[in-house]
Amino acid sequence: MDSKASMPKPSYVSGSVTTAAKILVVGHFAVGKTTYIGSLSEIPPLRTEERMTQASAHVDDLAGAPDKVTTTVALDFGRLTLGDEVVLYLFGTPGQQRFVQLWEDMARGALGALILVDPARLADSFPVIELVEKYGLEYSIAVNSFTDVLYEEAEIREALDLLPDTPVSYCDARDRASSARSLITLVKHLLVRTA
């Protein structure tokens, strides 16, 4: 049997691509960052998921995600080509405070950040928003509506104390089209802010 025939062909960026942008996908623990990147990536996403152990039992709050058995321990990575000339590199950060040291390196060179929030755990988003602002990144909010808890945009804005020009979108991180719409919201915001 020829092993070369069964190997997948590499998926390289087209030679017509002239612009690359690094986008962070951030959010608190168990908000759906890995799922979000997986739903959008045109290549098999890089995931650093590991099984959760008893060592994290007193550190990671599973109240909002009681069925969670794995967690990101370094980063998630995916790629999305827009048209013939632009490629987005999506970097997902771990959501736990103990991994915050990774953020500085990941934020370096990023054009902006998409902050995923869980409407059932909005208060958990404050440390994430503070970090994104600390690193001076433009951002938009994507409400990951995978629960039955729904809030109007005005309620989200008030609860998160957002500036009037901070975009808010709704998505289901499991759905490619829905995830794409929230990413488009961020990209449009970045185009206005960096023009």
N, C-alpha and C. Protein backbone atom coordinates (compact mmCIF):
# COMPACT_ATOMS: atom_id res chain seq x y z
N MET A 1 0.84 -1.18 0.00
CA MET A 1 0.00 0.00 0.00
C MET A 1 0.88 1.24 0.00
N ASP A 2 0.58 2.17 -0.86
CA ASP A 2 1.34 3.42 -0.96
C ASP A 2 0.83 4.39 0.09
N SER A 3 1.66 4.71 1.09
CA SER A 3 1.22 5.60 2.16
C SER A 3 1.05 7.04 1.69
N LYS A 4 1.73 7.42 0.62
CA LYS A 4 1.61 8.79 0.12
C LYS A 4 0.20 9.07 -0.39
N ALA A 5 -0.44 8.06 -0.95
CA ALA A 5 -1.79 8.26 -1.51
C ALA A 5 -2.81 8.56 -0.42
N SER A 6 -2.59 8.08 0.81
CA SER A 6 -3.57 8.29 1.87
C SER A 6 -3.31 9.55 2.69
N MET A 7 -2.20 10.21 2.45
CA MET A 7 -1.89 11.42 3.21
C MET A 7 -2.67 12.61 2.64
N PRO A 8 -3.20 13.47 3.54
CA PRO A 8 -3.92 14.64 3.03
C PRO A 8 -2.96 15.62 2.37
N LYS A 9 -3.46 16.30 1.36
CA LYS A 9 -2.65 17.31 0.69
C LYS A 9 -2.56 18.54 1.60
N PRO A 10 -1.38 19.19 1.63
CA PRO A 10 -1.26 20.38 2.46
C PRO A 10 -2.16 21.49 1.94
N SER A 11 -2.63 22.30 2.84
CA SER A 11 -3.52 23.40 2.49
C SER A 11 -2.79 24.72 2.71
N TYR A 12 -2.20 25.23 1.65
CA TYR A 12 -1.42 26.46 1.74
C TYR A 12 -2.28 27.66 1.38
N VAL A 13 -1.84 28.82 1.83
CA VAL A 13 -2.49 30.06 1.47
C VAL A 13 -2.17 30.35 0.00
N SER A 14 -3.18 30.80 -0.73
CA SER A 14 -3.02 31.13 -2.14
C SER A 14 -1.95 32.20 -2.33
N GLY A 15 -1.25 32.11 -3.44
CA GLY A 15 -0.24 33.11 -3.76
C GLY A 15 -0.81 34.49 -4.01
N SER A 16 -2.13 34.58 -4.21
CA SER A 16 -2.75 35.89 -4.45
C SER A 16 -3.00 36.67 -3.15
N VAL A 17 -2.85 36.01 -2.02
CA VAL A 17 -3.08 36.68 -0.74
C VAL A 17 -1.99 37.70 -0.48
N THR A 18 -2.39 38.94 -0.25
CA THR A 18 -1.44 40.02 -0.01
C THR A 18 -1.55 40.59 1.40
N THR A 19 -2.62 40.27 2.11
CA THR A 19 -2.83 40.83 3.44
C THR A 19 -3.22 39.73 4.42
N ALA A 20 -2.52 39.71 5.55
CA ALA A 20 -2.84 38.76 6.62
C ALA A 20 -3.13 39.54 7.88
N ALA A 21 -4.13 39.11 8.63
CA ALA A 21 -4.49 39.78 9.88
C ALA A 21 -4.66 38.75 10.98
N LYS A 22 -4.14 39.08 12.13
CA LYS A 22 -4.25 38.23 13.32
C LYS A 22 -5.43 38.73 14.15
N ILE A 23 -6.36 37.83 14.41
CA ILE A 23 -7.54 38.15 15.21
C ILE A 23 -7.56 37.23 16.43
N LEU A 24 -7.76 37.81 17.60
CA LEU A 24 -7.90 37.00 18.81
C LEU A 24 -9.37 36.67 19.03
N VAL A 25 -9.64 35.45 19.43
CA VAL A 25 -10.97 35.03 19.86
C VAL A 25 -10.83 34.74 21.34
N VAL A 26 -11.44 35.59 22.16
CA VAL A 26 -11.22 35.53 23.60
C VAL A 26 -12.56 35.42 24.34
N GLY A 27 -12.47 35.07 25.58
CA GLY A 27 -13.66 34.96 26.41
C GLY A 27 -13.33 34.18 27.66
N HIS A 28 -14.26 34.17 28.57
CA HIS A 28 -14.03 33.47 29.83
C HIS A 28 -14.06 31.96 29.62
N PHE A 29 -13.74 31.23 30.65
CA PHE A 29 -13.70 29.78 30.65
C PHE A 29 -15.04 29.20 30.18
N ALA A 30 -14.97 28.26 29.25
CA ALA A 30 -16.13 27.49 28.78
C ALA A 30 -17.18 28.33 28.06
N VAL A 31 -16.74 29.35 27.33
CA VAL A 31 -17.70 30.18 26.59
C VAL A 31 -17.87 29.73 25.14
N GLY A 32 -16.96 28.88 24.64
CA GLY A 32 -17.12 28.38 23.28
C GLY A 32 -16.06 28.81 22.28
N LYS A 33 -14.91 29.25 22.73
CA LYS A 33 -13.87 29.75 21.84
C LYS A 33 -13.34 28.66 20.89
N THR A 34 -13.06 27.49 21.44
CA THR A 34 -12.56 26.38 20.62
C THR A 34 -13.59 25.98 19.57
N THR A 35 -14.83 25.90 19.99
CA THR A 35 -15.92 25.56 19.07
C THR A 35 -16.07 26.62 17.99
N TYR A 36 -15.98 27.88 18.38
CA TYR A 36 -16.11 29.00 17.44
C TYR A 36 -15.05 28.91 16.34
N ILE A 37 -13.79 28.76 16.73
CA ILE A 37 -12.71 28.69 15.74
C ILE A 37 -12.88 27.46 14.86
N GLY A 38 -13.28 26.35 15.46
CA GLY A 38 -13.50 25.13 14.69
C GLY A 38 -14.61 25.27 13.67
N SER A 39 -15.62 26.08 13.98
CA SER A 39 -16.73 26.25 13.04
C SER A 39 -16.35 27.10 11.83
N LEU A 40 -15.32 27.93 11.97
CA LEU A 40 -14.94 28.85 10.89
C LEU A 40 -13.70 28.45 10.10
N SER A 41 -12.81 27.72 10.72
CA SER A 41 -11.50 27.47 10.11
C SER A 41 -11.63 26.64 8.83
N GLU A 42 -10.91 27.09 7.78
CA GLU A 42 -10.89 26.36 6.52
C GLU A 42 -9.86 25.24 6.53
N ILE A 43 -9.03 25.21 7.55
CA ILE A 43 -8.07 24.13 7.74
C ILE A 43 -8.45 23.41 9.03
N PRO A 44 -7.99 22.19 9.22
CA PRO A 44 -8.25 21.55 10.52
C PRO A 44 -7.63 22.41 11.61
N PRO A 45 -8.43 22.88 12.57
CA PRO A 45 -7.88 23.80 13.57
C PRO A 45 -6.88 23.12 14.49
N LEU A 46 -5.89 23.88 14.92
CA LEU A 46 -4.97 23.43 15.94
C LEU A 46 -5.66 23.63 17.28
N ARG A 47 -5.71 22.58 18.05
CA ARG A 47 -6.34 22.66 19.37
C ARG A 47 -5.38 22.11 20.41
N THR A 48 -5.31 22.75 21.54
CA THR A 48 -4.50 22.26 22.64
C THR A 48 -5.42 21.90 23.79
N GLU A 49 -6.40 21.10 23.49
CA GLU A 49 -7.38 20.66 24.50
C GLU A 49 -6.80 19.50 25.30
N GLU A 50 -6.96 19.57 26.59
CA GLU A 50 -6.55 18.47 27.47
C GLU A 50 -7.69 18.15 28.42
N ARG A 51 -7.73 16.91 28.86
CA ARG A 51 -8.75 16.49 29.82
C ARG A 51 -8.55 17.24 31.12
N MET A 52 -9.65 17.66 31.70
CA MET A 52 -9.59 18.32 32.99
C MET A 52 -9.39 17.26 34.06
N THR A 53 -8.60 17.60 35.05
CA THR A 53 -8.29 16.65 36.12
C THR A 53 -8.74 17.20 37.46
N GLN A 54 -8.56 16.42 38.47
CA GLN A 54 -8.91 16.86 39.83
C GLN A 54 -8.10 18.08 40.25
N ALA A 55 -6.92 18.27 39.64
CA ALA A 55 -6.08 19.41 39.99
C ALA A 55 -6.78 20.74 39.70
N SER A 56 -7.68 20.75 38.73
CA SER A 56 -8.38 21.99 38.40
C SER A 56 -9.74 22.11 39.08
N ALA A 57 -10.11 21.11 39.85
CA ALA A 57 -11.44 21.09 40.45
C ALA A 57 -11.73 22.31 41.32
N HIS A 58 -10.73 22.81 42.01
CA HIS A 58 -10.94 23.96 42.90
C HIS A 58 -10.58 25.28 42.23
N VAL A 59 -10.17 25.20 40.96
CA VAL A 59 -9.75 26.40 40.23
C VAL A 59 -10.75 26.78 39.15
N ASP A 60 -11.21 25.81 38.38
CA ASP A 60 -12.12 26.07 37.27
C ASP A 60 -13.57 25.88 37.72
N ASP A 61 -14.35 26.92 37.57
CA ASP A 61 -15.75 26.89 37.98
C ASP A 61 -16.59 26.26 36.86
N LEU A 62 -17.09 25.07 37.11
CA LEU A 62 -17.88 24.34 36.12
C LEU A 62 -19.38 24.60 36.25
N ALA A 63 -19.76 25.55 37.08
CA ALA A 63 -21.19 25.81 37.29
C ALA A 63 -21.91 26.13 35.99
N GLY A 64 -21.27 26.87 35.11
CA GLY A 64 -21.91 27.23 33.85
C GLY A 64 -21.73 26.20 32.75
N ALA A 65 -20.89 25.19 32.99
CA ALA A 65 -20.62 24.17 31.98
C ALA A 65 -20.35 22.83 32.69
N PRO A 66 -21.36 22.28 33.33
CA PRO A 66 -21.14 21.07 34.14
C PRO A 66 -20.68 19.85 33.35
N ASP A 67 -20.91 19.81 32.04
CA ASP A 67 -20.51 18.65 31.23
C ASP A 67 -19.13 18.80 30.60
N LYS A 68 -18.46 19.91 30.87
CA LYS A 68 -17.16 20.17 30.25
C LYS A 68 -16.12 19.20 30.82
N VAL A 69 -15.38 18.54 29.93
CA VAL A 69 -14.38 17.58 30.37
C VAL A 69 -12.97 17.91 29.85
N THR A 70 -12.87 18.87 28.91
CA THR A 70 -11.57 19.29 28.39
C THR A 70 -11.47 20.79 28.48
N THR A 71 -10.24 21.29 28.40
CA THR A 71 -10.01 22.72 28.41
C THR A 71 -8.78 23.05 27.56
N THR A 72 -8.77 24.25 26.99
CA THR A 72 -7.62 24.72 26.22
C THR A 72 -6.50 25.08 27.18
N VAL A 73 -5.29 24.56 26.92
CA VAL A 73 -4.17 24.83 27.82
C VAL A 73 -3.11 25.73 27.20
N ALA A 74 -3.23 26.05 25.94
CA ALA A 74 -2.28 26.96 25.30
C ALA A 74 -3.02 27.89 24.35
N LEU A 75 -3.51 27.36 23.23
CA LEU A 75 -4.22 28.19 22.27
C LEU A 75 -4.98 27.32 21.29
N ASP A 76 -5.87 27.96 20.58
CA ASP A 76 -6.52 27.36 19.42
C ASP A 76 -6.09 28.21 18.23
N PHE A 77 -6.02 27.59 17.05
CA PHE A 77 -5.61 28.33 15.87
C PHE A 77 -6.41 27.84 14.67
N GLY A 78 -6.89 28.80 13.90
CA GLY A 78 -7.58 28.49 12.66
C GLY A 78 -7.29 29.56 11.62
N ARG A 79 -7.68 29.27 10.39
CA ARG A 79 -7.43 30.20 9.29
C ARG A 79 -8.68 30.35 8.45
N LEU A 80 -8.92 31.58 7.99
CA LEU A 80 -10.05 31.86 7.13
C LEU A 80 -9.62 32.86 6.06
N THR A 81 -9.72 32.44 4.80
CA THR A 81 -9.36 33.31 3.69
C THR A 81 -10.60 34.07 3.24
N LEU A 82 -10.45 35.39 3.12
CA LEU A 82 -11.55 36.25 2.67
C LEU A 82 -11.22 36.75 1.27
N GLY A 83 -11.98 36.35 0.30
CA GLY A 83 -11.71 36.75 -1.07
C GLY A 83 -10.40 36.16 -1.55
N ASP A 84 -9.75 36.84 -2.48
CA ASP A 84 -8.50 36.34 -3.06
C ASP A 84 -7.26 36.92 -2.38
N GLU A 85 -7.43 38.00 -1.60
CA GLU A 85 -6.26 38.73 -1.14
C GLU A 85 -6.07 38.81 0.37
N VAL A 86 -7.06 38.42 1.17
CA VAL A 86 -6.98 38.61 2.62
C VAL A 86 -7.17 37.28 3.34
N VAL A 87 -6.29 37.04 4.31
CA VAL A 87 -6.43 35.86 5.16
C VAL A 87 -6.46 36.31 6.62
N LEU A 88 -7.36 35.70 7.38
CA LEU A 88 -7.43 35.96 8.82
C LEU A 88 -6.88 34.75 9.55
N TYR A 89 -6.00 35.01 10.49
CA TYR A 89 -5.49 33.96 11.38
C TYR A 89 -6.19 34.15 12.71
N LEU A 90 -6.93 33.14 13.13
CA LEU A 90 -7.73 33.20 14.35
C LEU A 90 -6.99 32.50 15.48
N PHE A 91 -6.72 33.23 16.54
CA PHE A 91 -6.04 32.69 17.70
C PHE A 91 -7.00 32.70 18.89
N GLY A 92 -7.27 31.55 19.45
CA GLY A 92 -8.13 31.45 20.63
C GLY A 92 -7.29 31.34 21.88
N THR A 93 -7.63 32.13 22.87
CA THR A 93 -6.88 32.14 24.13
C THR A 93 -7.57 31.27 25.17
N PRO A 94 -6.81 30.73 26.11
CA PRO A 94 -7.44 30.03 27.23
C PRO A 94 -8.25 31.03 28.06
N GLY A 95 -9.30 30.55 28.68
CA GLY A 95 -10.18 31.45 29.42
C GLY A 95 -9.88 31.60 30.90
N GLN A 96 -9.02 30.75 31.44
CA GLN A 96 -8.76 30.81 32.87
C GLN A 96 -7.69 31.85 33.21
N GLN A 97 -7.83 32.46 34.37
CA GLN A 97 -6.89 33.49 34.82
C GLN A 97 -5.46 32.95 34.90
N ARG A 98 -5.30 31.68 35.22
CA ARG A 98 -3.94 31.14 35.39
C ARG A 98 -3.17 31.12 34.06
N PHE A 99 -3.84 31.29 32.93
CA PHE A 99 -3.18 31.29 31.63
C PHE A 99 -2.99 32.71 31.08
N VAL A 100 -3.23 33.71 31.90
CA VAL A 100 -3.21 35.09 31.43
C VAL A 100 -1.82 35.50 30.91
N GLN A 101 -0.76 34.84 31.36
CA GLN A 101 0.59 35.16 30.86
C GLN A 101 0.70 34.95 29.35
N LEU A 102 -0.06 34.02 28.81
CA LEU A 102 -0.03 33.76 27.37
C LEU A 102 -0.61 34.92 26.56
N TRP A 103 -1.50 35.67 27.19
CA TRP A 103 -2.20 36.75 26.47
C TRP A 103 -1.25 37.78 25.90
N GLU A 104 -0.22 38.15 26.64
CA GLU A 104 0.68 39.21 26.17
C GLU A 104 1.30 38.82 24.83
N ASP A 105 1.81 37.60 24.75
CA ASP A 105 2.41 37.16 23.49
C ASP A 105 1.37 37.04 22.39
N MET A 106 0.20 36.54 22.73
CA MET A 106 -0.83 36.36 21.70
C MET A 106 -1.39 37.70 21.23
N ALA A 107 -1.44 38.68 22.10
CA ALA A 107 -1.98 40.00 21.73
C ALA A 107 -1.02 40.78 20.83
N ARG A 108 0.26 40.47 20.93
CA ARG A 108 1.26 41.18 20.12
C ARG A 108 0.98 40.96 18.64
N GLY A 109 0.77 42.04 17.91
CA GLY A 109 0.53 41.96 16.48
C GLY A 109 -0.91 41.70 16.07
N ALA A 110 -1.79 41.55 17.05
CA ALA A 110 -3.21 41.30 16.72
C ALA A 110 -3.87 42.58 16.26
N LEU A 111 -4.71 42.46 15.25
CA LEU A 111 -5.45 43.61 14.73
C LEU A 111 -6.63 43.94 15.64
N GLY A 112 -7.22 42.91 16.24
CA GLY A 112 -8.36 43.13 17.11
C GLY A 112 -8.78 41.83 17.77
N ALA A 113 -9.86 41.92 18.55
CA ALA A 113 -10.34 40.75 19.29
C ALA A 113 -11.85 40.64 19.21
N LEU A 114 -12.30 39.41 19.09
CA LEU A 114 -13.72 39.10 19.20
C LEU A 114 -13.89 38.51 20.60
N ILE A 115 -14.69 39.17 21.43
CA ILE A 115 -14.92 38.70 22.78
C ILE A 115 -16.23 37.93 22.82
N LEU A 116 -16.13 36.61 23.01
CA LEU A 116 -17.32 35.78 23.17
C LEU A 116 -17.81 35.90 24.60
N VAL A 117 -19.11 36.09 24.75
CA VAL A 117 -19.69 36.15 26.10
C VAL A 117 -20.86 35.19 26.18
N ASP A 118 -21.05 34.65 27.37
CA ASP A 118 -22.18 33.77 27.67
C ASP A 118 -23.22 34.62 28.38
N PRO A 119 -24.42 34.75 27.84
CA PRO A 119 -25.42 35.62 28.48
C PRO A 119 -25.80 35.16 29.89
N ALA A 120 -25.56 33.90 30.21
CA ALA A 120 -25.86 33.41 31.56
C ALA A 120 -24.75 33.74 32.55
N ARG A 121 -23.58 34.17 32.04
CA ARG A 121 -22.43 34.45 32.91
C ARG A 121 -21.74 35.74 32.48
N LEU A 122 -22.50 36.80 32.32
CA LEU A 122 -21.94 38.06 31.82
C LEU A 122 -20.84 38.61 32.74
N ALA A 123 -20.98 38.46 34.03
CA ALA A 123 -19.99 39.00 34.97
C ALA A 123 -18.61 38.38 34.74
N ASP A 124 -18.56 37.15 34.23
CA ASP A 124 -17.28 36.50 33.96
C ASP A 124 -16.52 37.17 32.82
N SER A 125 -17.18 38.03 32.07
CA SER A 125 -16.55 38.70 30.92
C SER A 125 -15.74 39.93 31.30
N PHE A 126 -15.95 40.48 32.48
CA PHE A 126 -15.24 41.70 32.86
C PHE A 126 -13.72 41.55 32.84
N PRO A 127 -13.14 40.49 33.43
CA PRO A 127 -11.68 40.38 33.37
C PRO A 127 -11.15 40.25 31.94
N VAL A 128 -11.92 39.62 31.07
CA VAL A 128 -11.51 39.47 29.67
C VAL A 128 -11.52 40.83 28.97
N ILE A 129 -12.58 41.59 29.15
CA ILE A 129 -12.66 42.92 28.55
C ILE A 129 -11.52 43.80 29.06
N GLU A 130 -11.22 43.71 30.35
CA GLU A 130 -10.12 44.50 30.92
C GLU A 130 -8.79 44.14 30.27
N LEU A 131 -8.54 42.85 30.04
CA LEU A 131 -7.29 42.44 29.39
C LEU A 131 -7.20 42.95 27.97
N VAL A 132 -8.28 42.82 27.22
CA VAL A 132 -8.28 43.29 25.84
C VAL A 132 -8.01 44.79 25.79
N GLU A 133 -8.64 45.54 26.69
CA GLU A 133 -8.41 46.98 26.74
C GLU A 133 -6.99 47.30 27.21
N LYS A 134 -6.46 46.51 28.14
CA LYS A 134 -5.09 46.71 28.63
C LYS A 134 -4.10 46.63 27.48
N TYR A 135 -4.33 45.69 26.54
CA TYR A 135 -3.42 45.53 25.42
C TYR A 135 -3.77 46.43 24.24
N GLY A 136 -4.74 47.32 24.43
CA GLY A 136 -5.06 48.32 23.42
C GLY A 136 -5.68 47.78 22.15
N LEU A 137 -6.40 46.66 22.25
CA LEU A 137 -7.01 46.06 21.07
C LEU A 137 -8.42 46.57 20.84
N GLU A 138 -8.73 46.85 19.59
CA GLU A 138 -10.11 47.11 19.22
C GLU A 138 -10.87 45.79 19.34
N TYR A 139 -12.16 45.87 19.69
CA TYR A 139 -12.90 44.62 19.86
C TYR A 139 -14.38 44.80 19.60
N SER A 140 -15.02 43.66 19.41
CA SER A 140 -16.47 43.61 19.37
C SER A 140 -16.90 42.46 20.27
N ILE A 141 -18.16 42.50 20.66
CA ILE A 141 -18.75 41.48 21.54
C ILE A 141 -19.60 40.55 20.68
N ALA A 142 -19.44 39.24 20.90
CA ALA A 142 -20.31 38.25 20.26
C ALA A 142 -20.98 37.45 21.37
N VAL A 143 -22.28 37.59 21.48
CA VAL A 143 -23.04 36.88 22.51
C VAL A 143 -23.28 35.47 21.98
N ASN A 144 -22.65 34.50 22.61
CA ASN A 144 -22.78 33.10 22.18
C ASN A 144 -24.09 32.56 22.75
N SER A 145 -25.10 32.54 21.93
CA SER A 145 -26.45 32.20 22.37
C SER A 145 -26.71 30.70 22.31
N PHE A 146 -25.90 29.94 23.04
CA PHE A 146 -26.09 28.49 23.06
C PHE A 146 -26.91 28.04 24.27
N THR A 147 -27.37 29.01 25.05
CA THR A 147 -28.22 28.68 26.20
C THR A 147 -29.59 29.30 25.99
N ASP A 148 -30.48 29.04 26.90
CA ASP A 148 -31.83 29.61 26.83
C ASP A 148 -31.90 31.03 27.38
N VAL A 149 -30.78 31.53 27.91
CA VAL A 149 -30.75 32.88 28.48
C VAL A 149 -30.52 33.87 27.35
N LEU A 150 -31.49 34.73 27.10
CA LEU A 150 -31.37 35.73 26.05
C LEU A 150 -31.60 37.12 26.61
N TYR A 151 -30.80 38.05 26.14
CA TYR A 151 -30.95 39.45 26.53
C TYR A 151 -30.94 40.31 25.28
N GLU A 152 -31.65 41.40 25.34
CA GLU A 152 -31.63 42.37 24.25
C GLU A 152 -30.26 43.05 24.23
N GLU A 153 -29.91 43.62 23.09
CA GLU A 153 -28.62 44.28 22.96
C GLU A 153 -28.44 45.38 24.01
N ALA A 154 -29.47 46.16 24.26
CA ALA A 154 -29.37 47.23 25.25
C ALA A 154 -29.03 46.67 26.63
N GLU A 155 -29.59 45.52 26.97
CA GLU A 155 -29.30 44.90 28.26
C GLU A 155 -27.85 44.41 28.32
N ILE A 156 -27.36 43.85 27.22
CA ILE A 156 -25.97 43.41 27.15
C ILE A 156 -25.04 44.61 27.31
N ARG A 157 -25.33 45.67 26.59
CA ARG A 157 -24.51 46.88 26.65
C ARG A 157 -24.44 47.44 28.07
N GLU A 158 -25.60 47.49 28.71
CA GLU A 158 -25.63 48.03 30.07
C GLU A 158 -24.90 47.11 31.04
N ALA A 159 -25.14 45.81 30.94
CA ALA A 159 -24.52 44.85 31.86
C ALA A 159 -23.00 44.85 31.73
N LEU A 160 -22.49 45.02 30.50
CA LEU A 160 -21.05 44.99 30.27
C LEU A 160 -20.43 46.39 30.26
N ASP A 161 -21.25 47.43 30.44
CA ASP A 161 -20.78 48.81 30.47
C ASP A 161 -19.97 49.15 29.21
N LEU A 162 -20.57 48.86 28.06
CA LEU A 162 -19.88 49.06 26.78
C LEU A 162 -20.02 50.48 26.28
N LEU A 163 -19.01 50.93 25.55
CA LEU A 163 -19.10 52.22 24.88
C LEU A 163 -20.12 52.11 23.75
N PRO A 164 -20.75 53.23 23.37
CA PRO A 164 -21.79 53.19 22.35
C PRO A 164 -21.33 52.64 21.00
N ASP A 165 -20.03 52.80 20.66
CA ASP A 165 -19.56 52.34 19.35
C ASP A 165 -19.00 50.91 19.37
N THR A 166 -19.09 50.23 20.50
CA THR A 166 -18.64 48.84 20.57
C THR A 166 -19.70 47.95 19.94
N PRO A 167 -19.37 47.26 18.85
CA PRO A 167 -20.36 46.41 18.20
C PRO A 167 -20.74 45.20 19.06
N VAL A 168 -22.02 44.85 19.00
CA VAL A 168 -22.54 43.66 19.67
C VAL A 168 -23.27 42.83 18.62
N SER A 169 -22.92 41.55 18.56
CA SER A 169 -23.61 40.64 17.65
C SER A 169 -23.99 39.39 18.44
N TYR A 170 -24.82 38.57 17.83
CA TYR A 170 -25.25 37.31 18.45
C TYR A 170 -24.80 36.18 17.54
N CYS A 171 -24.38 35.08 18.14
CA CYS A 171 -23.96 33.94 17.34
C CYS A 171 -24.22 32.65 18.10
N ASP A 172 -24.13 31.57 17.38
CA ASP A 172 -24.07 30.23 17.96
C ASP A 172 -22.74 29.68 17.46
N ALA A 173 -21.77 29.53 18.36
CA ALA A 173 -20.41 29.15 17.98
C ALA A 173 -20.35 27.82 17.25
N ARG A 174 -21.40 27.03 17.32
CA ARG A 174 -21.42 25.73 16.64
C ARG A 174 -21.80 25.86 15.17
N ASP A 175 -22.32 27.02 14.78
CA ASP A 175 -22.85 27.22 13.44
C ASP A 175 -21.94 28.14 12.63
N ARG A 176 -21.43 27.63 11.51
CA ARG A 176 -20.48 28.39 10.69
C ARG A 176 -21.05 29.74 10.23
N ALA A 177 -22.26 29.75 9.69
CA ALA A 177 -22.83 31.00 9.17
C ALA A 177 -23.02 32.01 10.29
N SER A 178 -23.49 31.55 11.42
CA SER A 178 -23.70 32.43 12.56
C SER A 178 -22.37 32.99 13.07
N SER A 179 -21.36 32.13 13.17
CA SER A 179 -20.03 32.58 13.60
C SER A 179 -19.46 33.57 12.61
N ALA A 180 -19.65 33.32 11.32
CA ALA A 180 -19.14 34.22 10.28
C ALA A 180 -19.75 35.61 10.41
N ARG A 181 -21.04 35.67 10.71
CA ARG A 181 -21.70 36.99 10.84
C ARG A 181 -21.07 37.80 11.98
N SER A 182 -20.74 37.15 13.09
CA SER A 182 -20.13 37.89 14.20
C SER A 182 -18.71 38.31 13.86
N LEU A 183 -18.00 37.49 13.08
CA LEU A 183 -16.65 37.87 12.66
C LEU A 183 -16.71 39.03 11.67
N ILE A 184 -17.68 39.02 10.79
CA ILE A 184 -17.87 40.13 9.85
C ILE A 184 -18.13 41.43 10.61
N THR A 185 -18.90 41.35 11.67
CA THR A 185 -19.16 42.53 12.51
C THR A 185 -17.86 43.11 13.04
N LEU A 186 -16.99 42.22 13.54
CA LEU A 186 -15.70 42.68 14.04
C LEU A 186 -14.86 43.27 12.92
N VAL A 187 -14.77 42.60 11.79
CA VAL A 187 -13.92 43.07 10.68
C VAL A 187 -14.39 44.44 10.19
N LYS A 188 -15.71 44.64 10.07
CA LYS A 188 -16.22 45.95 9.66
C LYS A 188 -15.82 47.02 10.67
N HIS A 189 -15.91 46.70 11.95
CA HIS A 189 -15.52 47.64 13.02
C HIS A 189 -14.02 47.98 12.89
N LEU A 190 -13.19 46.96 12.65
CA LEU A 190 -11.75 47.20 12.52
C LEU A 190 -11.43 48.05 11.30
N LEU A 191 -12.15 47.84 10.21
CA LEU A 191 -11.92 48.64 9.01
C LEU A 191 -12.21 50.11 9.26
N VAL A 192 -13.26 50.39 10.02
CA VAL A 192 -13.60 51.77 10.34
C VAL A 192 -12.56 52.37 11.29
N ARG A 193 -12.18 51.62 12.31
CA ARG A 193 -11.28 52.13 13.35
C ARG A 193 -9.84 52.26 12.87
N THR A 194 -9.42 51.45 11.92
CA THR A 194 -8.02 51.50 11.48
C THR A 194 -7.85 52.23 10.16
N ALA A 195 -8.93 52.76 9.60
CA ALA A 195 -8.84 53.47 8.31
C ALA A 195 -8.16 54.80 8.47
